[in-house]
C-alpha atoms as a PDB file:
ATOM      1  CA  MET A   1       0.289  -0.026   0.149  1.00  0.00           C
ATOM      2  CA  ALA A   2       2.967   2.752   0.923  1.00  0.00           C
ATOM      3  CA  LYS A   3       4.558   1.437  -2.345  1.00  0.00           C
ATOM      4  CA  LYS A   4       1.650   2.311  -4.397  1.00  0.00           C
ATOM      5  CA  GLN A   5       0.873   5.260  -2.758  1.00  0.00           C
ATOM      6  CA  SER A   6       4.442   6.924  -3.708  1.00  0.00           C
ATOM      7  CA  LYS A   7       4.015   6.148  -6.942  1.00  0.00           C
ATOM      8  CA  SER A   8       0.923   7.433  -7.173  1.00  0.00           C
ATOM      9  CA  LEU A   9       2.460  11.005  -5.455  1.00  0.00           C
ATOM     10  CA  ALA A  10       5.534  10.612  -7.704  1.00  0.00           C
ATOM     11  CA  ALA A  11       2.770  10.290 -10.952  1.00  0.00           C
ATOM     12  CA  ARG A  12       1.191  13.428  -9.427  1.00  0.00           C
ATOM     13  CA  PHE A  13       4.436  15.788  -8.742  1.00  0.00           C
ATOM     14  CA  LEU A  14       6.489  14.720 -12.094  1.00  0.00           C
ATOM     15  CA  PRO A  15       6.092  16.664 -15.098  1.00  0.00           C
ATOM     16  CA  ALA A  16       3.695  15.660 -17.504  1.00  0.00           C
ATOM     17  CA  ARG A  17       6.240  15.999 -19.874  1.00  0.00           C
ATOM     18  CA  PHE A  18       8.161  12.956 -18.205  1.00  0.00           C
ATOM     19  CA  ASN A  19       5.496  11.052 -17.601  1.00  0.00           C
ATOM     20  CA  LYS A  20       3.621   9.847 -20.704  1.00  0.00           C
ATOM     21  CA  SER A  21       0.900   7.920 -18.139  1.00  0.00           C
ATOM     22  CA  LEU A  22       0.176  10.764 -16.614  1.00  0.00           C
ATOM     23  CA  LYS A  23      -3.470  12.104 -17.823  1.00  0.00           C
ATOM     24  CA  VAL A  24      -3.549  15.524 -18.252  1.00  0.00           C
ATOM     25  CA  VAL A  25      -6.846  17.613 -18.130  1.00  0.00           C
ATOM     26  CA  PRO A  26      -7.237  21.231 -19.129  1.00  0.00           C
ATOM     27  CA  VAL A  27      -9.985  23.108 -17.468  1.00  0.00           C
ATOM     28  CA  VAL A  28     -11.456  26.614 -18.854  1.00  0.00           C
ATOM     29  CA  HIS A  29     -14.060  28.522 -16.902  1.00  0.00           C
ATOM     30  CA  LEU A  30     -17.000  30.093 -19.025  1.00  0.00           C
ATOM     31  CA  ASN A  31     -19.221  32.498 -16.369  1.00  0.00           C
ATOM     32  CA  GLY A  32     -21.076  35.642 -16.831  1.00  0.00           C
ATOM     33  CA  VAL A  33     -24.083  36.760 -19.055  1.00  0.00           C
ATOM     34  CA  ILE A  34     -23.319  36.162 -22.764  1.00  0.00           C
ATOM     35  CA  ALA A  35     -22.512  39.188 -24.881  1.00  0.00           C
ATOM     36  CA  THR A  36     -20.404  41.263 -26.446  1.00  0.00           C
ATOM     37  CA  GLY A  37     -18.793  44.543 -25.748  1.00  0.00           C
ATOM     38  CA  GLY A  38     -16.770  43.305 -22.413  1.00  0.00           C
ATOM     39  CA  THR A  39     -14.753  46.034 -20.958  1.00  0.00           C
ATOM     40  CA  SER A  40     -12.061  45.725 -18.077  1.00  0.00           C
ATOM     41  CA  LEU A  41     -14.717  46.580 -15.929  1.00  0.00           C
ATOM     42  CA  ARG A  42     -17.680  45.069 -17.373  1.00  0.00           C
ATOM     43  CA  GLN A  43     -16.577  41.117 -18.300  1.00  0.00           C
ATOM     44  CA  SER A  44     -19.037  39.639 -20.548  1.00  0.00           C
ATOM     45  CA  LEU A  45     -18.556  36.396 -22.007  1.00  0.00           C
ATOM     46  CA  SER A  46     -18.075  35.737 -25.532  1.00  0.00           C
ATOM     47  CA  LEU A  47     -16.031  34.158 -28.765  1.00  0.00           C
ATOM     48  CA  ALA A  48     -13.542  37.281 -28.407  1.00  0.00           C
ATOM     49  CA  SER A  49     -13.109  37.020 -24.334  1.00  0.00           C
ATOM     50  CA  CYS A  50     -12.899  33.133 -24.430  1.00  0.00           C
ATOM     51  CA  GLY A  51     -11.443  32.043 -27.776  1.00  0.00           C
ATOM     52  CA  LYS A  52      -7.650  32.281 -26.950  1.00  0.00           C
ATOM     53  CA  LEU A  53      -8.249  30.431 -23.393  1.00  0.00           C
ATOM     54  CA  LEU A  54     -10.044  27.360 -25.690  1.00  0.00           C
ATOM     55  CA  ASP A  55      -7.038  27.625 -28.283  1.00  0.00           C
ATOM     56  CA  LYS A  56      -4.848  27.285 -25.379  1.00  0.00           C
ATOM     57  CA  ALA A  57      -6.547  24.216 -24.016  1.00  0.00           C
ATOM     58  CA  PHE A  58      -6.785  22.073 -26.618  1.00  0.00           C
ATOM     59  CA  SER A  59      -3.538  23.644 -27.710  1.00  0.00           C
ATOM     60  CA  ILE A  60      -1.718  20.843 -25.020  1.00  0.00           C
ATOM     61  CA  LYS A  61      -0.190  18.090 -25.776  1.00  0.00           C
ATOM     62  CA  GLY A  62      -0.997  14.633 -24.996  1.00  0.00           C
ATOM     63  CA  ILE A  63      -4.162  15.704 -23.062  1.00  0.00           C
ATOM     64  CA  ALA A  64      -6.861  13.363 -22.082  1.00  0.00           C
ATOM     65  CA  ALA A  65      -9.683  15.309 -22.609  1.00  0.00           C
ATOM     66  CA  VAL A  66     -10.771  18.985 -21.898  1.00  0.00           C
ATOM     67  CA  ALA A  67     -12.879  19.622 -19.033  1.00  0.00           C
ATOM     68  CA  ILE A  68     -15.295  23.231 -19.403  1.00  0.00           C
ATOM     69  CA  ALA A  69     -17.349  24.166 -16.328  1.00  0.00           C
ATOM     70  CA  ILE A  70     -20.116  26.801 -17.136  1.00  0.00           C
ATOM     71  CA  ASN A  71     -21.748  29.387 -15.224  1.00  0.00           C
ATOM     72  CA  SER A  72     -24.172  31.428 -17.368  1.00  0.00           C
ATOM     73  CA  PRO A  73     -28.092  32.323 -17.603  1.00  0.00           C
ATOM     74  CA  GLY A  74     -28.066  32.855 -21.300  1.00  0.00           C
ATOM     75  CA  GLY A  75     -27.899  35.900 -23.499  1.00  0.00           C
ATOM     76  CA  SER A  76     -26.787  36.560 -27.078  1.00  0.00           C
ATOM     77  CA  PRO A  77     -27.686  33.590 -29.173  1.00  0.00           C
ATOM     78  CA  ALA A  78     -25.085  34.399 -31.751  1.00  0.00           C
ATOM     79  CA  GLN A  79     -21.986  34.597 -28.994  1.00  0.00           C
ATOM     80  CA  ALA A  80     -23.445  31.598 -27.614  1.00  0.00           C
ATOM     81  CA  ALA A  81     -23.521  29.787 -30.857  1.00  0.00           C
ATOM     82  CA  LEU A  82     -20.035  30.668 -32.045  1.00  0.00           C
ATOM     83  CA  ILE A  83     -18.532  29.531 -28.483  1.00  0.00           C
ATOM     84  CA  HIS A  84     -20.508  26.237 -28.995  1.00  0.00           C
ATOM     85  CA  ASN A  85     -18.827  25.862 -32.549  1.00  0.00           C
ATOM     86  CA  ARG A  86     -15.546  26.824 -31.856  1.00  0.00           C
ATOM     87  CA  ILE A  87     -14.877  23.944 -29.169  1.00  0.00           C
ATOM     88  CA  ARG A  88     -16.836  21.347 -31.264  1.00  0.00           C
ATOM     89  CA  GLN A  89     -14.091  22.725 -34.216  1.00  0.00           C
ATOM     90  CA  LEU A  90     -11.406  22.290 -31.682  1.00  0.00           C
ATOM     91  CA  ALA A  91     -12.750  19.167 -30.436  1.00  0.00           C
ATOM     92  CA  GLY A  92     -12.715  17.351 -33.733  1.00  0.00           C
ATOM     93  CA  GLU A  93      -9.476  18.863 -34.823  1.00  0.00           C
ATOM     94  CA  ASN A  94      -7.297  17.663 -32.203  1.00  0.00           C
ATOM     95  CA  GLU A  95      -9.215  14.278 -31.592  1.00  0.00           C
ATOM     96  CA  VAL A  96     -10.042  15.508 -27.811  1.00  0.00           C
ATOM     97  CA  PRO A  97     -13.450  14.250 -26.035  1.00  0.00           C
ATOM     98  CA  VAL A  98     -14.835  17.559 -24.174  1.00  0.00           C
ATOM     99  CA  TYR A  99     -16.962  17.366 -20.910  1.00  0.00           C
ATOM    100  CA  THR A 100     -18.604  19.946 -19.632  1.00  0.00           C
ATOM    101  CA  PHE A 101     -19.820  20.452 -16.015  1.00  0.00           C
ATOM    102  CA  CYS A 102     -22.816  22.998 -15.286  1.00  0.00           C
ATOM    103  CA  GLU A 103     -22.582  24.792 -11.866  1.00  0.00           C
ATOM    104  CA  ASP A 104     -25.182  27.084 -10.848  1.00  0.00           C
ATOM    105  CA  VAL A 105     -26.981  27.693 -14.001  1.00  0.00           C
ATOM    106  CA  ALA A 106     -26.404  27.125 -17.981  1.00  0.00           C
ATOM    107  CA  ALA A 107     -29.804  28.270 -19.006  1.00  0.00           C
ATOM    108  CA  SER A 108     -31.186  28.952 -22.218  1.00  0.00           C
ATOM    109  CA  GLY A 109     -27.197  30.188 -24.158  1.00  0.00           C
ATOM    110  CA  GLY A 110     -25.600  29.190 -21.290  1.00  0.00           C
ATOM    111  CA  TYR A 111     -27.358  25.566 -21.950  1.00  0.00           C
ATOM    112  CA  MET A 112     -25.754  25.617 -25.848  1.00  0.00           C
ATOM    113  CA  LEU A 113     -22.677  26.061 -24.497  1.00  0.00           C
ATOM    114  CA  ALA A 114     -22.997  22.866 -22.105  1.00  0.00           C
ATOM    115  CA  ILE A 115     -24.173  20.999 -25.369  1.00  0.00           C
ATOM    116  CA  ALA A 116     -20.884  21.570 -27.025  1.00  0.00           C
ATOM    117  CA  GLY A 117     -19.720  18.797 -24.401  1.00  0.00           C
ATOM    118  CA  ASP A 118     -19.435  14.718 -25.709  1.00  0.00           C
ATOM    119  CA  GLU A 119     -20.963  14.366 -22.242  1.00  0.00           C
ATOM    120  CA  VAL A 120     -23.089  16.889 -20.123  1.00  0.00           C
ATOM    121  CA  PHE A 121     -22.613  17.052 -15.956  1.00  0.00           C
ATOM    122  CA  GLY A 122     -24.629  19.106 -13.544  1.00  0.00           C
ATOM    123  CA  GLN A 123     -24.601  19.376  -9.536  1.00  0.00           C
ATOM    124  CA  ARG A 124     -26.991  18.447  -7.606  1.00  0.00           C
ATOM    125  CA  PHE A 125     -28.592  21.861  -7.393  1.00  0.00           C
ATOM    126  CA  SER A 126     -27.950  23.257 -10.927  1.00  0.00           C
ATOM    127  CA  ILE A 127     -30.327  24.910 -12.902  1.00  0.00           C
ATOM    128  CA  ILE A 128     -30.511  23.751 -16.544  1.00  0.00           C
ATOM    129  CA  GLY A 129     -32.520  24.299 -19.796  1.00  0.00           C
ATOM    130  CA  SER A 130     -34.614  27.357 -20.666  1.00  0.00           C
ATOM    131  CA  ILE A 131     -34.416  26.310 -24.183  1.00  0.00           C
ATOM    132  CA  GLY A 132     -36.181  29.689 -25.843  1.00  0.00           C
ATOM    133  CA  VAL A 133     -35.877  32.982 -26.804  1.00  0.00           C
ATOM    134  CA  ILE A 134     -36.730  36.298 -24.499  1.00  0.00           C
ATOM    135  CA  SER A 135     -37.094  39.859 -25.711  1.00  0.00           C
ATOM    136  CA  ALA A 136     -37.415  42.562 -22.755  1.00  0.00           C
ATOM    137  CA  GLY A 137     -37.626  46.329 -22.650  1.00  0.00           C
ATOM    138  CA  PHE A 138     -39.769  49.353 -21.349  1.00  0.00           C
ATOM    139  CA  GLY A 139     -42.297  51.724 -23.486  1.00  0.00           C
ATOM    140  CA  PHE A 140     -41.839  55.300 -21.996  1.00  0.00           C
ATOM    141  CA  VAL A 141     -44.539  56.824 -24.707  1.00  0.00           C
ATOM    142  CA  GLU A 142     -46.420  58.325 -21.164  1.00  0.00           C
ATOM    143  CA  ALA A 143     -43.717  59.216 -19.043  1.00  0.00           C
ATOM    144  CA  ILE A 144     -42.044  61.262 -21.956  1.00  0.00           C
ATOM    145  CA  GLY A 145     -45.273  62.804 -22.598  1.00  0.00           C
ATOM    146  CA  LYS A 146     -45.694  63.951 -18.606  1.00  0.00           C
ATOM    147  CA  LEU A 147     -42.106  65.426 -18.693  1.00  0.00           C
ATOM    148  CA  GLY A 148     -42.989  67.484 -21.713  1.00  0.00           C
ATOM    149  CA  VAL A 149     -40.343  65.778 -23.781  1.00  0.00           C
ATOM    150  CA  GLU A 150     -41.379  65.724 -27.673  1.00  0.00           C
ATOM    151  CA  ARG A 151     -39.709  62.600 -29.031  1.00  0.00           C
ATOM    152  CA  ARG A 152     -38.149  63.468 -33.280  1.00  0.00           C
ATOM    153  CA  VAL A 153     -37.260  60.361 -34.848  1.00  0.00           C
ATOM    154  CA  HIS A 154     -36.759  60.742 -39.150  1.00  0.00           C
ATOM    155  CA  THR A 155     -35.927  57.976 -40.942  1.00  0.00           C
ATOM    156  CA  ALA A 156     -35.130  56.537 -44.568  1.00  0.00           C
ATOM    157  CA  GLY A 157     -37.061  52.753 -44.515  1.00  0.00           C
ATOM    158  CA  LYS A 158     -40.199  52.874 -42.425  1.00  0.00           C
ATOM    159  CA  ASN A 159     -39.190  50.289 -40.542  1.00  0.00           C
ATOM    160  CA  LYS A 160     -35.463  52.077 -39.093  1.00  0.00           C
ATOM    161  CA  SER A 161     -37.291  52.924 -36.281  1.00  0.00           C
ATOM    162  CA  ILE A 162     -39.070  49.449 -35.132  1.00  0.00           C
ATOM    163  CA  LEU A 163     -40.027  48.925 -31.606  1.00  0.00           C
ATOM    164  CA  ASP A 164     -38.419  52.176 -30.854  1.00  0.00           C
ATOM    165  CA  PRO A 165     -39.531  52.400 -26.743  1.00  0.00           C
ATOM    166  CA  PHE A 166     -40.542  56.323 -27.261  1.00  0.00           C
ATOM    167  CA  GLN A 167     -43.255  55.379 -29.498  1.00  0.00           C
ATOM    168  CA  PRO A 168     -46.052  53.477 -29.264  1.00  0.00           C
ATOM    169  CA  GLU A 169     -46.199  49.720 -29.571  1.00  0.00           C
ATOM    170  CA  LYS A 170     -47.371  48.987 -33.180  1.00  0.00           C
ATOM    171  CA  LYS A 171     -48.377  44.874 -33.793  1.00  0.00           C
ATOM    172  CA  GLN A 172     -46.783  45.123 -36.912  1.00  0.00           C
ATOM    173  CA  ASP A 173     -43.396  45.694 -35.179  1.00  0.00           C
ATOM    174  CA  VAL A 174     -44.329  42.886 -32.617  1.00  0.00           C
ATOM    175  CA  GLU A 175     -44.928  40.315 -35.520  1.00  0.00           C
ATOM    176  CA  ARG A 176     -41.441  41.165 -37.064  1.00  0.00           C
ATOM    177  CA  LEU A 177     -39.805  40.322 -33.624  1.00  0.00           C
ATOM    178  CA  LYS A 178     -41.626  37.244 -33.405  1.00  0.00           C
ATOM    179  CA  ALA A 179     -41.093  35.920 -36.571  1.00  0.00           C
ATOM    180  CA  LEU A 180     -37.049  36.459 -35.869  1.00  0.00           C
ATOM    181  CA  GLN A 181     -37.690  35.072 -32.223  1.00  0.00           C
ATOM    182  CA  LEU A 182     -39.545  31.986 -33.571  1.00  0.00           C
ATOM    183  CA  ASP A 183     -36.450  31.543 -36.506  1.00  0.00           C
ATOM    184  CA  ILE A 184     -34.033  31.862 -33.561  1.00  0.00           C
ATOM    185  CA  HIS A 185     -35.783  28.995 -31.651  1.00  0.00           C
ATOM    186  CA  GLN A 186     -36.287  26.575 -33.811  1.00  0.00           C
ATOM    187  CA  GLY A 187     -32.095  27.147 -34.616  1.00  0.00           C
ATOM    188  CA  PHE A 188     -31.992  26.271 -30.845  1.00  0.00           C
ATOM    189  CA  VAL A 189     -33.801  23.306 -30.750  1.00  0.00           C
ATOM    190  CA  GLU A 190     -32.501  22.039 -34.238  1.00  0.00           C
ATOM    191  CA  MET A 191     -28.959  22.192 -32.425  1.00  0.00           C
ATOM    192  CA  VAL A 192     -29.735  20.492 -29.191  1.00  0.00           C
ATOM    193  CA  LYS A 193     -31.787  17.667 -31.114  1.00  0.00           C
ATOM    194  CA  ALA A 194     -28.834  17.566 -33.280  1.00  0.00           C
ATOM    195  CA  ARG A 195     -26.141  17.375 -29.552  1.00  0.00           C
ATOM    196  CA  ARG A 196     -28.493  14.907 -27.391  1.00  0.00           C
ATOM    197  CA  LYS A 197     -30.023  12.857 -30.305  1.00  0.00           C
ATOM    198  CA  ALA A 198     -31.607   9.558 -28.811  1.00  0.00           C
ATOM    199  CA  LYS A 199     -31.003  10.638 -25.061  1.00  0.00           C
ATOM    200  CA  LEU A 200     -33.830  13.442 -25.610  1.00  0.00           C
ATOM    201  CA  PRO A 201     -37.703  11.859 -24.938  1.00  0.00           C
ATOM    202  CA  ALA A 202     -40.080  10.911 -27.738  1.00  0.00           C
ATOM    203  CA  ASP A 203     -42.355  13.175 -25.683  1.00  0.00           C
ATOM    204  CA  GLU A 204     -41.124  16.287 -25.636  1.00  0.00           C
ATOM    205  CA  GLY A 205     -43.367  17.745 -23.453  1.00  0.00           C
ATOM    206  CA  ASP A 206     -42.259  21.493 -22.541  1.00  0.00           C
ATOM    207  CA  LEU A 207     -38.724  20.432 -23.426  1.00  0.00           C
ATOM    208  CA  PHE A 208     -38.615  23.504 -25.811  1.00  0.00           C
ATOM    209  CA  THR A 209     -40.881  25.867 -23.795  1.00  0.00           C
ATOM    210  CA  GLY A 210     -38.324  27.988 -22.047  1.00  0.00           C
ATOM    211  CA  ALA A 211     -38.994  26.183 -18.942  1.00  0.00           C
ATOM    212  CA  PHE A 212     -35.922  24.457 -16.611  1.00  0.00           C
ATOM    213  CA  TRP A 213     -34.951  22.214 -14.346  1.00  0.00           C
ATOM    214  CA  THR A 214     -33.018  20.726 -11.575  1.00  0.00           C
ATOM    215  CA  SER A 215     -30.362  18.507 -12.701  1.00  0.00           C
ATOM    216  CA  PRO A 216     -32.262  15.249 -11.431  1.00  0.00           C
ATOM    217  CA  GLN A 217     -35.204  16.656 -13.553  1.00  0.00           C
ATOM    218  CA  ALA A 218     -32.824  17.594 -16.512  1.00  0.00           C
ATOM    219  CA  LEU A 219     -31.571  14.148 -16.619  1.00  0.00           C
ATOM    220  CA  GLU A 220     -35.315  12.644 -16.414  1.00  0.00           C
ATOM    221  CA  HIS A 221     -35.725  14.975 -19.574  1.00  0.00           C
ATOM    222  CA  GLY A 222     -32.294  13.828 -21.399  1.00  0.00           C
ATOM    223  CA  LEU A 223     -30.741  17.223 -21.000  1.00  0.00           C
ATOM    224  CA  ILE A 224     -27.616  16.071 -19.071  1.00  0.00           C
ATOM    225  CA  ASP A 225     -25.929  12.611 -18.827  1.00  0.00           C
ATOM    226  CA  ASN A 226     -25.265  12.281 -15.186  1.00  0.00           C
ATOM    227  CA  ILE A 227     -24.845  14.314 -12.209  1.00  0.00           C
ATOM    228  CA  GLY A 228     -21.313  14.552 -10.643  1.00  0.00           C
ATOM    229  CA  ASP A 229     -18.727  17.504  -9.648  1.00  0.00           C
ATOM    230  CA  MET A 230     -16.001  17.816 -12.117  1.00  0.00           C
ATOM    231  CA  HIS A 231     -13.335  16.157  -9.859  1.00  0.00           C
ATOM    232  CA  ALA A 232     -15.097  13.389  -8.876  1.00  0.00           C
ATOM    233  CA  VAL A 233     -15.842  13.070 -12.940  1.00  0.00           C
ATOM    234  CA  LEU A 234     -12.857  12.991 -13.962  1.00  0.00           C
ATOM    235  CA  ARG A 235     -10.957  10.646 -11.311  1.00  0.00           C
ATOM    236  CA  GLU A 236     -13.397   7.987 -12.111  1.00  0.00           C
ATOM    237  CA  LYS A 237     -12.674   8.516 -15.802  1.00  0.00           C
ATOM    238  CA  PHE A 238      -9.104   8.678 -15.333  1.00  0.00           C
ATOM    239  CA  GLY A 239      -7.754   7.243 -12.107  1.00  0.00           C
ATOM    240  CA  GLU A 240      -6.382   9.332  -9.145  1.00  0.00           C
ATOM    241  CA  ASP A 241      -3.683  10.431 -10.932  1.00  0.00           C
ATOM    242  CA  VAL A 242      -5.611  12.844 -13.258  1.00  0.00           C
ATOM    243  CA  VAL A 243      -4.069  16.266 -13.543  1.00  0.00           C
ATOM    244  CA  LEU A 244      -6.698  19.000 -13.786  1.00  0.00           C
ATOM    245  CA  LYS A 245      -4.962  22.191 -15.046  1.00  0.00           C
ATOM    246  CA  PRO A 246      -7.041  25.562 -14.660  1.00  0.00           C
ATOM    247  CA  ILE A 247      -6.648  27.558 -18.113  1.00  0.00           C
ATOM    248  CA  THR A 248      -6.562  31.276 -16.899  1.00  0.00           C
ATOM    249  CA  ALA A 249      -5.550  34.904 -19.386  1.00  0.00           C
ATOM    250  CA  SER A 250      -2.872  36.526 -18.484  1.00  0.00           C
ATOM    251  CA  GLN A 251      -2.776  38.580 -15.355  1.00  0.00           C
ATOM    252  CA  GLY A 252      -1.681  42.444 -15.620  1.00  0.00           C
ATOM    253  CA  LEU A 253      -2.804  44.984 -13.368  1.00  0.00           C
ATOM    254  CA  SER A 254      -6.695  45.491 -12.973  1.00  0.00           C
ATOM    255  CA  LEU A 255      -7.968  48.241 -12.779  1.00  0.00           C
ATOM    256  CA  ARG A 256     -11.113  46.248 -10.435  1.00  0.00           C
ATOM    257  CA  ARG A 257      -8.586  45.912  -7.777  1.00  0.00           C
ATOM    258  CA  LEU A 258      -8.083  49.407  -7.593  1.00  0.00           C
ATOM    259  CA  LEU A 259     -11.756  50.664  -7.001  1.00  0.00           C
ATOM    260  CA  PRO A 260     -13.158  51.435  -3.648  1.00  0.00           C
ATOM    261  CA  VAL A 261     -16.662  50.785  -4.886  1.00  0.00           C
ATOM    262  CA  GLY A 262     -18.408  48.873  -7.739  1.00  0.00           C
ATOM    263  CA  SER A 263     -18.494  44.933  -7.789  1.00  0.00           C
ATOM    264  CA  THR A 264     -17.122  42.338 -10.436  1.00  0.00           C
ATOM    265  CA  SER A 265     -19.557  39.468  -9.555  1.00  0.00           C
ATOM    266  CA  ASP A 266     -20.647  37.730 -12.094  1.00  0.00           C
ATOM    267  CA  HIS A 267     -24.517  37.822 -11.039  1.00  0.00           C
ATOM    268  CA  GLY A 268     -24.664  41.375 -12.124  1.00  0.00           C
ATOM    269  CA  ALA A 269     -23.696  43.426  -8.664  1.00  0.00           C
ATOM    270  CA  ILE A 270     -23.326  47.509 -10.431  1.00  0.00           C
ATOM    271  CA  ASP A 271     -20.161  48.347 -11.702  1.00  0.00           C
ATOM    272  CA  VAL A 272     -18.345  51.622 -11.323  1.00  0.00           C
ATOM    273  CA  LYS A 273     -16.855  52.861 -14.985  1.00  0.00           C
ATOM    274  CA  LEU A 274     -14.006  55.421 -14.659  1.00  0.00           C
ATOM    275  CA  ASN A 275     -15.166  57.057 -18.449  1.00  0.00           C
ATOM    276  CA  GLY A 276     -18.076  58.793 -16.228  1.00  0.00           C
ATOM    277  CA  ASP A 277     -20.582  57.147 -18.521  1.00  0.00           C
ATOM    278  CA  PHE A 278     -22.201  55.852 -14.907  1.00  0.00           C
ATOM    279  CA  ALA A 279     -25.777  55.476 -16.678  1.00  0.00           C
ATOM    280  CA  GLU A 280     -24.516  52.914 -19.391  1.00  0.00           C
ATOM    281  CA  GLY A 281     -22.740  51.004 -17.000  1.00  0.00           C
ATOM    282  CA  LEU A 282     -26.224  50.676 -14.456  1.00  0.00           C
ATOM    283  CA  ALA A 283     -27.909  49.790 -17.606  1.00  0.00           C
ATOM    284  CA  HIS A 284     -25.766  47.034 -17.930  1.00  0.00           C
ATOM    285  CA  SER A 285     -25.980  45.974 -14.672  1.00  0.00           C
ATOM    286  CA  MET A 286     -29.469  45.692 -14.289  1.00  0.00           C
ATOM    287  CA  GLU A 287     -29.831  43.841 -17.782  1.00  0.00           C
ATOM    288  CA  ARG A 288     -27.031  41.266 -15.953  1.00  0.00           C
ATOM    289  CA  ARG A 289     -28.896  41.357 -12.903  1.00  0.00           C
ATOM    290  CA  ALA A 290     -32.287  40.518 -14.422  1.00  0.00           C
ATOM    291  CA  LEU A 291     -30.930  36.910 -16.309  1.00  0.00           C
ATOM    292  CA  TRP A 292     -29.362  35.810 -12.976  1.00  0.00           C
ATOM    293  CA  GLN A 293     -32.647  36.347 -11.171  1.00  0.00           C
ATOM    294  CA  ARG A 294     -34.504  34.643 -13.768  1.00  0.00           C
ATOM    295  CA  PHE A 295     -33.186  31.612 -11.957  1.00  0.00           C
ATOM    296  CA  GLY A 296     -33.382  32.716  -8.137  1.00  0.00           C
ATOM    297  CA  LEU A 297     -29.723  33.739  -8.676  1.00  0.00           C
END
C-alpha cells in the first residue's frame, strides 16, 4: 500500500512531459452573461473573450480530454453559437473528448454552451434548460409626455425605428420581432436535437418551451448525461492521478482591484466606469442582474 501511494505521489508531481502515463485535463471556466462589448470593468462572455483560452486548452500536447465549467444564464444567441461551434471545431481537429460541467446555472445560451460537450454533467442543484428566446424592454411613451418631452424621429426606411421605446408599440413591429424569435428558437432546438439525439424523450412535452429544471429533472429530460462534480467525474474516468490544469488569461494590473466601490460579480452587481458614463454601466448591470434573477440567483 505504501509503495503504491509513493508511486501515486511521484506520478502527480512529476512534470507531464516526463510522465507519459499521466492524464492531464485542461479546465476552462465559462462564467457570466453571454454578450459582446465587455471591458476591463464590465465582463461578458463572448468568443472574443474566451477564444484564446479555448485555443490554449486544446493546444496542450498529450491531454486526455478538455473539461469546461459553465455558469451562465444566457444572453446573445449568436455569441453562444460561436463559442459552441469553436469548441466542437477544436475537439474535432485535436480528436479530444470534451466534458462540460454545469455549475449554478446553464440556461438558454448557457445550455447551448453545455451541449458542446460530448458528455454533459450537472451539480445536484444546478439549474438547466430554458431552451427559448426572450426579448424584454420598457415603454416610455407616457413618461416623456408627462415630462413635456417631444420625441422626434426621422428615418429613411419605414422599419428603421421598429420597437422604439419612446413611441407607441405597433402590432406589425411585434409580429416582426416574434418571427425573428421563432427562427432563432427553431435553430436552438435543432442544435439541441443534433447534439443530444436519442437521449431526448420521444414526448417533448415542455422541453422546448423555455422551462428549466434542476439536474435530476434535467437528467430525466435527457438534457444532461449524469450528475456529478468535475473532480469526481474525471477521477472516475482517468484514475486518481488525473491532473486538472486550469487555463487562465495572463493577469496584468487590473483597475478592478484599485476601485473602492463597485463589484466584479458575475451575478450582476453594479459596476463603476472610470469614463464617467455611469448610466450606461448601470443599465448593463441591471440587464445582467435581471438575467440571473430569472433563475433565483
